[in-house]
Amino acid sequence: SSSSVYGLNEKYPFSVQDNVDHPISLYAATKKANELM
């Protein structure tokens, strides 16, 4: 997957417990999709 999935998140450090529903590139969106798949 990729750190790009964190998108618009501004809470640091990025945690896997955080919501990642706001990607800002199609690349990031495909990586989030991979996790869901």
Full PDB file with SEQRES, HELIX, SHEET, SSBOND, CRYST1, ORIGX, SCALE, CONECT and MASTER records, all heavy atoms in Angstrom:
SEQRES   1 A   37  SER SER SER SER VAL TYR GLY LEU ASN GLU LYS TYR PRO          
SEQRES   2 A   37  PHE SER VAL GLN ASP ASN VAL ASP HIS PRO ILE SER LEU          
SEQRES   3 A   37  TYR ALA ALA THR LYS LYS ALA ASN GLU LEU MET                  
HELIX    1 AA1 SER A    3  TYR A    6  5                                   4    
HELIX    2 AA2 LEU A   26  LEU A   36  1                                  11    
CRYST1    1.000    1.000    1.000  90.00  90.00  90.00 P 1           1          
ORIGX1      1.000000  0.000000  0.000000        0.00000                         
ORIGX2      0.000000  1.000000  0.000000        0.00000                         
ORIGX3      0.000000  0.000000  1.000000        0.00000                         
SCALE1      1.000000  0.000000  0.000000        0.00000                         
SCALE2      0.000000  1.000000  0.000000        0.00000                         
SCALE3      0.000000  0.000000  1.000000        0.00000                         
ATOM      1  N   SER A   1       0.870  -1.162   0.000  1.00  0.00           N  
ATOM      2  CA  SER A   1       0.000   0.000   0.000  1.00  0.00           C  
ATOM      3  C   SER A   1       0.916   1.223   0.000  1.00  0.00           C  
ATOM      4  O   SER A   1       2.071   1.130  -0.423  1.00  0.00           O  
ATOM      5  CB  SER A   1      -0.952  -0.033   1.190  1.00  0.00           C  
ATOM      6  OG  SER A   1      -1.878   1.047   1.104  1.00  0.00           O  
ATOM      7  N   SER A   2       0.450   2.355   0.474  1.00  0.00           N  
ATOM      8  CA  SER A   2       1.263   3.567   0.371  1.00  0.00           C  
ATOM      9  C   SER A   2       0.868   4.589   1.428  1.00  0.00           C  
ATOM     10  O   SER A   2      -0.306   4.672   1.829  1.00  0.00           O  
ATOM     11  CB  SER A   2       1.081   4.191  -1.017  1.00  0.00           C  
ATOM     12  OG  SER A   2       1.630   5.485  -1.087  1.00  0.00           O  
ATOM     13  N   SER A   3       1.823   5.396   1.839  1.00  0.00           N  
ATOM     14  CA  SER A   3       1.534   6.505   2.738  1.00  0.00           C  
ATOM     15  C   SER A   3       0.605   7.521   2.082  1.00  0.00           C  
ATOM     16  O   SER A   3      -0.027   8.331   2.770  1.00  0.00           O  
ATOM     17  CB  SER A   3       2.832   7.203   3.162  1.00  0.00           C  
ATOM     18  OG  SER A   3       3.502   7.752   2.041  1.00  0.00           O  
ATOM     19  N   SER A   4       0.487   7.463   0.755  1.00  0.00           N  
ATOM     20  CA  SER A   4      -0.390   8.394   0.040  1.00  0.00           C  
ATOM     21  C   SER A   4      -1.854   8.256   0.445  1.00  0.00           C  
ATOM     22  O   SER A   4      -2.638   9.190   0.246  1.00  0.00           O  
ATOM     23  CB  SER A   4      -0.266   8.184  -1.474  1.00  0.00           C  
ATOM     24  OG  SER A   4       1.025   8.485  -1.931  1.00  0.00           O  
ATOM     25  N   VAL A   5      -2.227   7.110   1.022  1.00  0.00           N  
ATOM     26  CA  VAL A   5      -3.630   6.923   1.398  1.00  0.00           C  
ATOM     27  C   VAL A   5      -4.061   7.915   2.474  1.00  0.00           C  
ATOM     28  O   VAL A   5      -5.265   8.169   2.647  1.00  0.00           O  
ATOM     29  CB  VAL A   5      -3.926   5.481   1.888  1.00  0.00           C  
ATOM     30  CG1 VAL A   5      -3.592   4.467   0.808  1.00  0.00           C  
ATOM     31  CG2 VAL A   5      -3.203   5.166   3.188  1.00  0.00           C  
ATOM     32  N   TYR A   6      -3.099   8.500   3.200  1.00  0.00           N  
ATOM     33  CA  TYR A   6      -3.462   9.437   4.263  1.00  0.00           C  
ATOM     34  C   TYR A   6      -3.989  10.760   3.722  1.00  0.00           C  
ATOM     35  O   TYR A   6      -4.656  11.505   4.443  1.00  0.00           O  
ATOM     36  CB  TYR A   6      -2.278   9.650   5.216  1.00  0.00           C  
ATOM     37  CG  TYR A   6      -2.017   8.436   6.066  1.00  0.00           C  
ATOM     38  CD1 TYR A   6      -0.980   7.550   5.762  1.00  0.00           C  
ATOM     39  CD2 TYR A   6      -2.826   8.132   7.153  1.00  0.00           C  
ATOM     40  CE1 TYR A   6      -0.760   6.413   6.527  1.00  0.00           C  
ATOM     41  CE2 TYR A   6      -2.616   6.999   7.925  1.00  0.00           C  
ATOM     42  CZ  TYR A   6      -1.581   6.144   7.604  1.00  0.00           C  
ATOM     43  OH  TYR A   6      -1.370   5.010   8.350  1.00  0.00           O  
ATOM     44  N   GLY A   7      -3.697  11.072   2.465  1.00  0.00           N  
ATOM     45  CA  GLY A   7      -4.333  12.189   1.784  1.00  0.00           C  
ATOM     46  C   GLY A   7      -4.365  13.484   2.568  1.00  0.00           C  
ATOM     47  O   GLY A   7      -3.330  14.058   2.893  1.00  0.00           O  
ATOM     48  N   LEU A   8      -5.573  13.956   2.876  1.00  0.00           N  
ATOM     49  CA  LEU A   8      -5.753  15.230   3.553  1.00  0.00           C  
ATOM     50  C   LEU A   8      -5.561  15.162   5.065  1.00  0.00           C  
ATOM     51  O   LEU A   8      -5.715  16.174   5.753  1.00  0.00           O  
ATOM     52  CB  LEU A   8      -7.156  15.790   3.247  1.00  0.00           C  
ATOM     53  CG  LEU A   8      -7.401  16.213   1.797  1.00  0.00           C  
ATOM     54  CD1 LEU A   8      -8.856  16.648   1.612  1.00  0.00           C  
ATOM     55  CD2 LEU A   8      -6.460  17.336   1.377  1.00  0.00           C  
ATOM     56  N   ASN A   9      -5.227  13.989   5.595  1.00  0.00           N  
ATOM     57  CA  ASN A   9      -5.000  13.873   7.043  1.00  0.00           C  
ATOM     58  C   ASN A   9      -3.903  14.840   7.497  1.00  0.00           C  
ATOM     59  O   ASN A   9      -2.861  14.954   6.854  1.00  0.00           O  
ATOM     60  CB  ASN A   9      -4.584  12.446   7.416  1.00  0.00           C  
ATOM     61  CG  ASN A   9      -5.729  11.468   7.329  1.00  0.00           C  
ATOM     62  OD1 ASN A   9      -6.661  11.668   6.557  1.00  0.00           O  
ATOM     63  ND2 ASN A   9      -5.673  10.390   8.096  1.00  0.00           N  
ATOM     64  N   GLU A  10      -4.128  15.501   8.610  1.00  0.00           N  
ATOM     65  CA  GLU A  10      -3.141  16.424   9.169  1.00  0.00           C  
ATOM     66  C   GLU A  10      -2.774  16.082  10.603  1.00  0.00           C  
ATOM     67  O   GLU A  10      -2.077  16.850  11.277  1.00  0.00           O  
ATOM     68  CB  GLU A  10      -3.678  17.865   9.101  1.00  0.00           C  
ATOM     69  CG  GLU A  10      -3.845  18.377   7.676  1.00  0.00           C  
ATOM     70  CD  GLU A  10      -4.325  19.812   7.620  1.00  0.00           C  
ATOM     71  OE1 GLU A  10      -4.540  20.412   8.696  1.00  0.00           O  
ATOM     72  OE2 GLU A  10      -4.484  20.335   6.505  1.00  0.00           O  
ATOM     73  N   LYS A  11      -3.207  14.945  11.079  1.00  0.00           N  
ATOM     74  CA  LYS A  11      -2.852  14.483  12.425  1.00  0.00           C  
ATOM     75  C   LYS A  11      -1.576  13.640  12.306  1.00  0.00           C  
ATOM     76  O   LYS A  11      -1.554  12.628  11.618  1.00  0.00           O  
ATOM     77  CB  LYS A  11      -4.000  13.649  13.004  1.00  0.00           C  
ATOM     78  CG  LYS A  11      -3.704  12.976  14.326  1.00  0.00           C  
ATOM     79  CD  LYS A  11      -4.956  12.224  14.811  1.00  0.00           C  
ATOM     80  CE  LYS A  11      -4.633  11.250  15.927  1.00  0.00           C  
ATOM     81  NZ  LYS A  11      -3.934  10.059  15.417  1.00  0.00           N  
ATOM     82  N   TYR A  12      -0.519  14.099  12.968  1.00  0.00           N  
ATOM     83  CA  TYR A  12       0.777  13.428  12.875  1.00  0.00           C  
ATOM     84  C   TYR A  12       1.176  12.824  14.226  1.00  0.00           C  
ATOM     85  O   TYR A  12       0.862  13.395  15.266  1.00  0.00           O  
ATOM     86  CB  TYR A  12       1.851  14.417  12.413  1.00  0.00           C  
ATOM     87  CG  TYR A  12       1.572  15.029  11.062  1.00  0.00           C  
ATOM     88  CD1 TYR A  12       1.194  16.372  10.959  1.00  0.00           C  
ATOM     89  CD2 TYR A  12       1.668  14.276   9.896  1.00  0.00           C  
ATOM     90  CE1 TYR A  12       0.928  16.944   9.720  1.00  0.00           C  
ATOM     91  CE2 TYR A  12       1.402  14.851   8.651  1.00  0.00           C  
ATOM     92  CZ  TYR A  12       1.035  16.183   8.573  1.00  0.00           C  
ATOM     93  OH  TYR A  12       0.772  16.741   7.352  1.00  0.00           O  
ATOM     94  N   PRO A  13       1.904  11.698  14.200  1.00  0.00           N  
ATOM     95  CA  PRO A  13       2.241  10.899  13.025  1.00  0.00           C  
ATOM     96  C   PRO A  13       1.016  10.166  12.480  1.00  0.00           C  
ATOM     97  O   PRO A  13       0.033   9.961  13.191  1.00  0.00           O  
ATOM     98  CB  PRO A  13       3.283   9.900  13.559  1.00  0.00           C  
ATOM     99  CG  PRO A  13       2.932   9.749  15.000  1.00  0.00           C  
ATOM    100  CD  PRO A  13       2.446  11.099  15.448  1.00  0.00           C  
ATOM    101  N   PHE A  14       1.096   9.759  11.207  1.00  0.00           N  
ATOM    102  CA  PHE A  14       0.012   9.006  10.592  1.00  0.00           C  
ATOM    103  C   PHE A  14      -0.102   7.635  11.259  1.00  0.00           C  
ATOM    104  O   PHE A  14       0.882   6.897  11.359  1.00  0.00           O  
ATOM    105  CB  PHE A  14       0.275   8.794   9.104  1.00  0.00           C  
ATOM    106  CG  PHE A  14       0.210  10.054   8.277  1.00  0.00           C  
ATOM    107  CD1 PHE A  14       0.962  10.165   7.120  1.00  0.00           C  
ATOM    108  CD2 PHE A  14      -0.615  11.111   8.631  1.00  0.00           C  
ATOM    109  CE1 PHE A  14       0.897  11.315   6.331  1.00  0.00           C  
ATOM    110  CE2 PHE A  14      -0.692  12.262   7.855  1.00  0.00           C  
ATOM    111  CZ  PHE A  14       0.072  12.367   6.699  1.00  0.00           C  
ATOM    112  N   SER A  15      -1.305   7.303  11.679  1.00  0.00           N  
ATOM    113  CA  SER A  15      -1.541   6.032  12.363  1.00  0.00           C  
ATOM    114  C   SER A  15      -2.476   5.152  11.553  1.00  0.00           C  
ATOM    115  O   SER A  15      -3.426   5.643  10.925  1.00  0.00           O  
ATOM    116  CB  SER A  15      -2.160   6.286  13.747  1.00  0.00           C  
ATOM    117  OG  SER A  15      -2.627   5.083  14.322  1.00  0.00           O  
ATOM    118  N   VAL A  16      -2.226   3.852  11.586  1.00  0.00           N  
ATOM    119  CA  VAL A  16      -3.100   2.913  10.882  1.00  0.00           C  
ATOM    120  C   VAL A  16      -4.477   2.843  11.534  1.00  0.00           C  
ATOM    121  O   VAL A  16      -5.407   2.286  10.955  1.00  0.00           O  
ATOM    122  CB  VAL A  16      -2.478   1.497  10.814  1.00  0.00           C  
ATOM    123  CG1 VAL A  16      -1.285   1.485   9.880  1.00  0.00           C  
ATOM    124  CG2 VAL A  16      -2.095   0.999  12.207  1.00  0.00           C  
ATOM    125  N   GLN A  17      -4.613   3.396  12.721  1.00  0.00           N  
ATOM    126  CA  GLN A  17      -5.920   3.461  13.371  1.00  0.00           C  
ATOM    127  C   GLN A  17      -6.744   4.659  12.877  1.00  0.00           C  
ATOM    128  O   GLN A  17      -7.935   4.757  13.189  1.00  0.00           O  
ATOM    129  CB  GLN A  17      -5.777   3.551  14.893  1.00  0.00           C  
ATOM    130  CG  GLN A  17      -5.543   2.208  15.574  1.00  0.00           C  
ATOM    131  CD  GLN A  17      -4.119   1.702  15.404  1.00  0.00           C  
ATOM    132  OE1 GLN A  17      -3.181   2.471  15.572  1.00  0.00           O  
ATOM    133  NE2 GLN A  17      -3.963   0.428  15.078  1.00  0.00           N  
ATOM    134  N   ASP A  18      -6.128   5.558  12.101  1.00  0.00           N  
ATOM    135  CA  ASP A  18      -6.818   6.745  11.604  1.00  0.00           C  
ATOM    136  C   ASP A  18      -7.668   6.422  10.375  1.00  0.00           C  
ATOM    137  O   ASP A  18      -7.354   5.525   9.590  1.00  0.00           O  
ATOM    138  CB  ASP A  18      -5.811   7.837  11.225  1.00  0.00           C  
ATOM    139  CG  ASP A  18      -5.062   8.388  12.432  1.00  0.00           C  
ATOM    140  OD1 ASP A  18      -5.573   8.243  13.556  1.00  0.00           O  
ATOM    141  OD2 ASP A  18      -3.969   8.951  12.238  1.00  0.00           O  
ATOM    142  N   ASN A  19      -8.712   7.214  10.184  1.00  0.00           N  
ATOM    143  CA  ASN A  19      -9.526   7.133   8.976  1.00  0.00           C  
ATOM    144  C   ASN A  19      -8.718   7.644   7.781  1.00  0.00           C  
ATOM    145  O   ASN A  19      -8.007   8.642   7.889  1.00  0.00           O  
ATOM    146  CB  ASN A  19     -10.785   7.990   9.192  1.00  0.00           C  
ATOM    147  CG  ASN A  19     -11.669   8.069   7.963  1.00  0.00           C  
ATOM    148  OD1 ASN A  19     -11.334   8.733   6.999  1.00  0.00           O  
ATOM    149  ND2 ASN A  19     -12.802   7.405   8.021  1.00  0.00           N  
ATOM    150  N   VAL A  20      -8.830   6.962   6.647  1.00  0.00           N  
ATOM    151  CA  VAL A  20      -8.113   7.395   5.432  1.00  0.00           C  
ATOM    152  C   VAL A  20      -9.077   7.462   4.248  1.00  0.00           C  
ATOM    153  O   VAL A  20      -8.856   6.845   3.209  1.00  0.00           O  
ATOM    154  CB  VAL A  20      -6.908   6.482   5.109  1.00  0.00           C  
ATOM    155  CG1 VAL A  20      -5.783   6.694   6.093  1.00  0.00           C  
ATOM    156  CG2 VAL A  20      -7.308   5.009   5.084  1.00  0.00           C  
ATOM    157  N   ASP A  21     -10.113   8.237   4.400  1.00  0.00           N  
ATOM    158  CA  ASP A  21     -11.150   8.330   3.374  1.00  0.00           C  
ATOM    159  C   ASP A  21     -11.052   9.570   2.498  1.00  0.00           C  
ATOM    160  O   ASP A  21     -11.998   9.894   1.781  1.00  0.00           O  
ATOM    161  CB  ASP A  21     -12.541   8.304   4.035  1.00  0.00           C  
ATOM    162  CG  ASP A  21     -12.930   6.913   4.496  1.00  0.00           C  
ATOM    163  OD1 ASP A  21     -12.338   5.938   3.990  1.00  0.00           O  
ATOM    164  OD2 ASP A  21     -13.811   6.798   5.361  1.00  0.00           O  
ATOM    165  N   HIS A  22      -9.915  10.273   2.534  1.00  0.00           N  
ATOM    166  CA  HIS A  22      -9.796  11.492   1.745  1.00  0.00           C  
ATOM    167  C   HIS A  22      -8.497  11.524   0.946  1.00  0.00           C  
ATOM    168  O   HIS A  22      -7.652  12.413   1.126  1.00  0.00           O  
ATOM    169  CB  HIS A  22      -9.913  12.730   2.653  1.00  0.00           C  
ATOM    170  CG  HIS A  22     -11.226  12.821   3.346  1.00  0.00           C  
ATOM    171  ND1 HIS A  22     -11.473  12.217   4.565  1.00  0.00           N  
ATOM    172  CD2 HIS A  22     -12.396  13.405   2.972  1.00  0.00           C  
ATOM    173  CE1 HIS A  22     -12.722  12.452   4.920  1.00  0.00           C  
ATOM    174  NE2 HIS A  22     -13.306  13.155   3.971  1.00  0.00           N  
ATOM    175  N   PRO A  23      -8.290  10.546   0.033  1.00  0.00           N  
ATOM    176  CA  PRO A  23      -7.098  10.579  -0.826  1.00  0.00           C  
ATOM    177  C   PRO A  23      -7.169  11.759  -1.783  1.00  0.00           C  
ATOM    178  O   PRO A  23      -8.259  12.248  -2.109  1.00  0.00           O  
ATOM    179  CB  PRO A  23      -7.182   9.243  -1.575  1.00  0.00           C  
ATOM    180  CG  PRO A  23      -8.649   8.920  -1.599  1.00  0.00           C  
ATOM    181  CD  PRO A  23      -9.186   9.415  -0.286  1.00  0.00           C  
ATOM    182  N   ILE A  24      -6.004  12.218  -2.253  1.00  0.00           N  
ATOM    183  CA  ILE A  24      -5.988  13.366  -3.162  1.00  0.00           C  
ATOM    184  C   ILE A  24      -5.279  13.048  -4.480  1.00  0.00           C  
ATOM    185  O   ILE A  24      -4.859  13.951  -5.204  1.00  0.00           O  
ATOM    186  CB  ILE A  24      -5.376  14.615  -2.494  1.00  0.00           C  
ATOM    187  CG1 ILE A  24      -3.956  14.346  -1.983  1.00  0.00           C  
ATOM    188  CG2 ILE A  24      -6.272  15.106  -1.366  1.00  0.00           C  
ATOM    189  CD1 ILE A  24      -3.263  15.603  -1.459  1.00  0.00           C  
ATOM    190  N   SER A  25      -5.144  11.778  -4.799  1.00  0.00           N  
ATOM    191  CA  SER A  25      -4.667  11.363  -6.118  1.00  0.00           C  
ATOM    192  C   SER A  25      -5.305  10.020  -6.435  1.00  0.00           C  
ATOM    193  O   SER A  25      -5.681   9.265  -5.529  1.00  0.00           O  
ATOM    194  CB  SER A  25      -3.136  11.225  -6.152  1.00  0.00           C  
ATOM    195  OG  SER A  25      -2.708  10.116  -5.371  1.00  0.00           O  
ATOM    196  N   LEU A  26      -5.432   9.726  -7.724  1.00  0.00           N  
ATOM    197  CA  LEU A  26      -5.998   8.431  -8.104  1.00  0.00           C  
ATOM    198  C   LEU A  26      -5.087   7.304  -7.649  1.00  0.00           C  
ATOM    199  O   LEU A  26      -5.562   6.223  -7.264  1.00  0.00           O  
ATOM    200  CB  LEU A  26      -6.219   8.362  -9.614  1.00  0.00           C  
ATOM    201  CG  LEU A  26      -6.880   7.063 -10.093  1.00  0.00           C  
ATOM    202  CD1 LEU A  26      -8.288   6.920  -9.535  1.00  0.00           C  
ATOM    203  CD2 LEU A  26      -6.895   6.988 -11.611  1.00  0.00           C  
ATOM    204  N   TYR A  27      -3.773   7.534  -7.698  1.00  0.00           N  
ATOM    205  CA  TYR A  27      -2.838   6.525  -7.191  1.00  0.00           C  
ATOM    206  C   TYR A  27      -3.193   6.147  -5.760  1.00  0.00           C  
ATOM    207  O   TYR A  27      -3.321   4.969  -5.420  1.00  0.00           O  
ATOM    208  CB  TYR A  27      -1.407   7.049  -7.269  1.00  0.00           C  
ATOM    209  CG  TYR A  27      -0.414   6.202  -6.499  1.00  0.00           C  
ATOM    210  CD1 TYR A  27      -0.090   4.922  -6.938  1.00  0.00           C  
ATOM    211  CD2 TYR A  27       0.188   6.689  -5.339  1.00  0.00           C  
ATOM    212  CE1 TYR A  27       0.807   4.136  -6.230  1.00  0.00           C  
ATOM    213  CE2 TYR A  27       1.083   5.904  -4.628  1.00  0.00           C  
ATOM    214  CZ  TYR A  27       1.393   4.628  -5.079  1.00  0.00           C  
ATOM    215  OH  TYR A  27       2.280   3.850  -4.365  1.00  0.00           O  
ATOM    216  N   ALA A  28      -3.366   7.152  -4.895  1.00  0.00           N  
ATOM    217  CA  ALA A  28      -3.711   6.891  -3.498  1.00  0.00           C  
ATOM    218  C   ALA A  28      -5.053   6.181  -3.385  1.00  0.00           C  
ATOM    219  O   ALA A  28      -5.224   5.272  -2.559  1.00  0.00           O  
ATOM    220  CB  ALA A  28      -3.742   8.209  -2.721  1.00  0.00           C  
ATOM    221  N   ALA A  29      -6.003   6.582  -4.214  1.00  0.00           N  
ATOM    222  CA  ALA A  29      -7.323   5.947  -4.176  1.00  0.00           C  
ATOM    223  C   ALA A  29      -7.241   4.470  -4.541  1.00  0.00           C  
ATOM    224  O   ALA A  29      -7.934   3.635  -3.949  1.00  0.00           O  
ATOM    225  CB  ALA A  29      -8.281   6.677  -5.117  1.00  0.00           C  
ATOM    226  N   THR A  30      -6.374   4.125  -5.511  1.00  0.00           N  
ATOM    227  CA  THR A  30      -6.241   2.709  -5.872  1.00  0.00           C  
ATOM    228  C   THR A  30      -5.596   1.913  -4.743  1.00  0.00           C  
ATOM    229  O   THR A  30      -5.918   0.739  -4.540  1.00  0.00           O  
ATOM    230  CB  THR A  30      -5.428   2.518  -7.167  1.00  0.00           C  
ATOM    231  OG1 THR A  30      -4.085   2.984  -6.992  1.00  0.00           O  
ATOM    232  CG2 THR A  30      -6.084   3.221  -8.343  1.00  0.00           C  
ATOM    233  N   LYS A  31      -4.685   2.533  -4.005  1.00  0.00           N  
ATOM    234  CA  LYS A  31      -4.052   1.834  -2.890  1.00  0.00           C  
ATOM    235  C   LYS A  31      -5.039   1.631  -1.740  1.00  0.00           C  
ATOM    236  O   LYS A  31      -5.046   0.575  -1.086  1.00  0.00           O  
ATOM    237  CB  LYS A  31      -2.812   2.601  -2.421  1.00  0.00           C  
ATOM    238  CG  LYS A  31      -1.648   2.526  -3.397  1.00  0.00           C  
ATOM    239  CD  LYS A  31      -1.224   1.082  -3.604  1.00  0.00           C  
ATOM    240  CE  LYS A  31      -0.010   0.929  -4.473  1.00  0.00           C  
ATOM    241  NZ  LYS A  31       0.405  -0.489  -4.636  1.00  0.00           N  
ATOM    242  N   LYS A  32      -5.867   2.626  -1.469  1.00  0.00           N  
ATOM    243  CA  LYS A  32      -6.930   2.444  -0.482  1.00  0.00           C  
ATOM    244  C   LYS A  32      -7.889   1.345  -0.946  1.00  0.00           C  
ATOM    245  O   LYS A  32      -8.329   0.497  -0.152  1.00  0.00           O  
ATOM    246  CB  LYS A  32      -7.685   3.756  -0.269  1.00  0.00           C  
ATOM    247  CG  LYS A  32      -8.948   3.649   0.595  1.00  0.00           C  
ATOM    248  CD  LYS A  32      -8.632   3.249   2.034  1.00  0.00           C  
ATOM    249  CE  LYS A  32      -9.924   2.999   2.839  1.00  0.00           C  
ATOM    250  NZ  LYS A  32     -10.751   4.185   3.033  1.00  0.00           N  
ATOM    251  N   ALA A  33      -8.208   1.340  -2.231  1.00  0.00           N  
ATOM    252  CA  ALA A  33      -9.076   0.301  -2.778  1.00  0.00           C  
ATOM    253  C   ALA A  33      -8.462  -1.081  -2.578  1.00  0.00           C  
ATOM    254  O   ALA A  33      -9.171  -2.053  -2.259  1.00  0.00           O  
ATOM    255  CB  ALA A  33      -9.337   0.559  -4.260  1.00  0.00           C  
ATOM    256  N   ASN A  34      -7.148  -1.197  -2.760  1.00  0.00           N  
ATOM    257  CA  ASN A  34      -6.469  -2.484  -2.545  1.00  0.00           C  
ATOM    258  C   ASN A  34      -6.677  -2.986  -1.123  1.00  0.00           C  
ATOM    259  O   ASN A  34      -6.914  -4.181  -0.898  1.00  0.00           O  
ATOM    260  CB  ASN A  34      -4.976  -2.363  -2.827  1.00  0.00           C  
ATOM    261  CG  ASN A  34      -4.635  -2.244  -4.297  1.00  0.00           C  
ATOM    262  OD1 ASN A  34      -3.506  -1.939  -4.650  1.00  0.00           O  
ATOM    263  ND2 ASN A  34      -5.597  -2.454  -5.178  1.00  0.00           N  
ATOM    264  N   GLU A  35      -6.593  -2.083  -0.152  1.00  0.00           N  
ATOM    265  CA  GLU A  35      -6.790  -2.472   1.239  1.00  0.00           C  
ATOM    266  C   GLU A  35      -8.215  -2.986   1.466  1.00  0.00           C  
ATOM    267  O   GLU A  35      -8.430  -3.992   2.156  1.00  0.00           O  
ATOM    268  CB  GLU A  35      -6.497  -1.289   2.162  1.00  0.00           C  
ATOM    269  CG  GLU A  35      -5.047  -0.845   2.124  1.00  0.00           C  
ATOM    270  CD  GLU A  35      -4.755   0.361   3.002  1.00  0.00           C  
ATOM    271  OE1 GLU A  35      -5.690   0.836   3.681  1.00  0.00           O  
ATOM    272  OE2 GLU A  35      -3.597   0.827   3.013  1.00  0.00           O  
ATOM    273  N   LEU A  36      -9.184  -2.314   0.872  1.00  0.00           N  
ATOM    274  CA  LEU A  36     -10.583  -2.731   1.008  1.00  0.00           C  
ATOM    275  C   LEU A  36     -10.834  -4.069   0.306  1.00  0.00           C  
ATOM    276  O   LEU A  36     -11.547  -4.937   0.826  1.00  0.00           O  
ATOM    277  CB  LEU A  36     -11.505  -1.655   0.430  1.00  0.00           C  
ATOM    278  CG  LEU A  36     -11.461  -0.276   1.097  1.00  0.00           C  
ATOM    279  CD1 LEU A  36     -12.321   0.712   0.328  1.00  0.00           C  
ATOM    280  CD2 LEU A  36     -11.913  -0.367   2.542  1.00  0.00           C  
ATOM    281  N   MET A  37     -10.234  -4.224  -0.861  1.00  0.00           N  
ATOM    282  CA  MET A  37     -10.379  -5.482  -1.599  1.00  0.00           C  
ATOM    283  C   MET A  37      -9.764  -6.640  -0.808  1.00  0.00           C  
ATOM    284  O   MET A  37     -10.344  -7.728  -0.722  1.00  0.00           O  
ATOM    285  CB  MET A  37      -9.708  -5.353  -2.971  1.00  0.00           C  
ATOM    286  CG  MET A  37     -10.393  -4.355  -3.898  1.00  0.00           C  
ATOM    287  SD  MET A  37      -9.323  -3.807  -5.258  1.00  0.00           S  
ATOM    288  CE  MET A  37      -9.272  -5.293  -6.263  1.00  0.00           C  
TER     289      MET A  37                                                      
MASTER        0    0    0    2    0    0    0    6  288    1    0    3          
END                                                                             
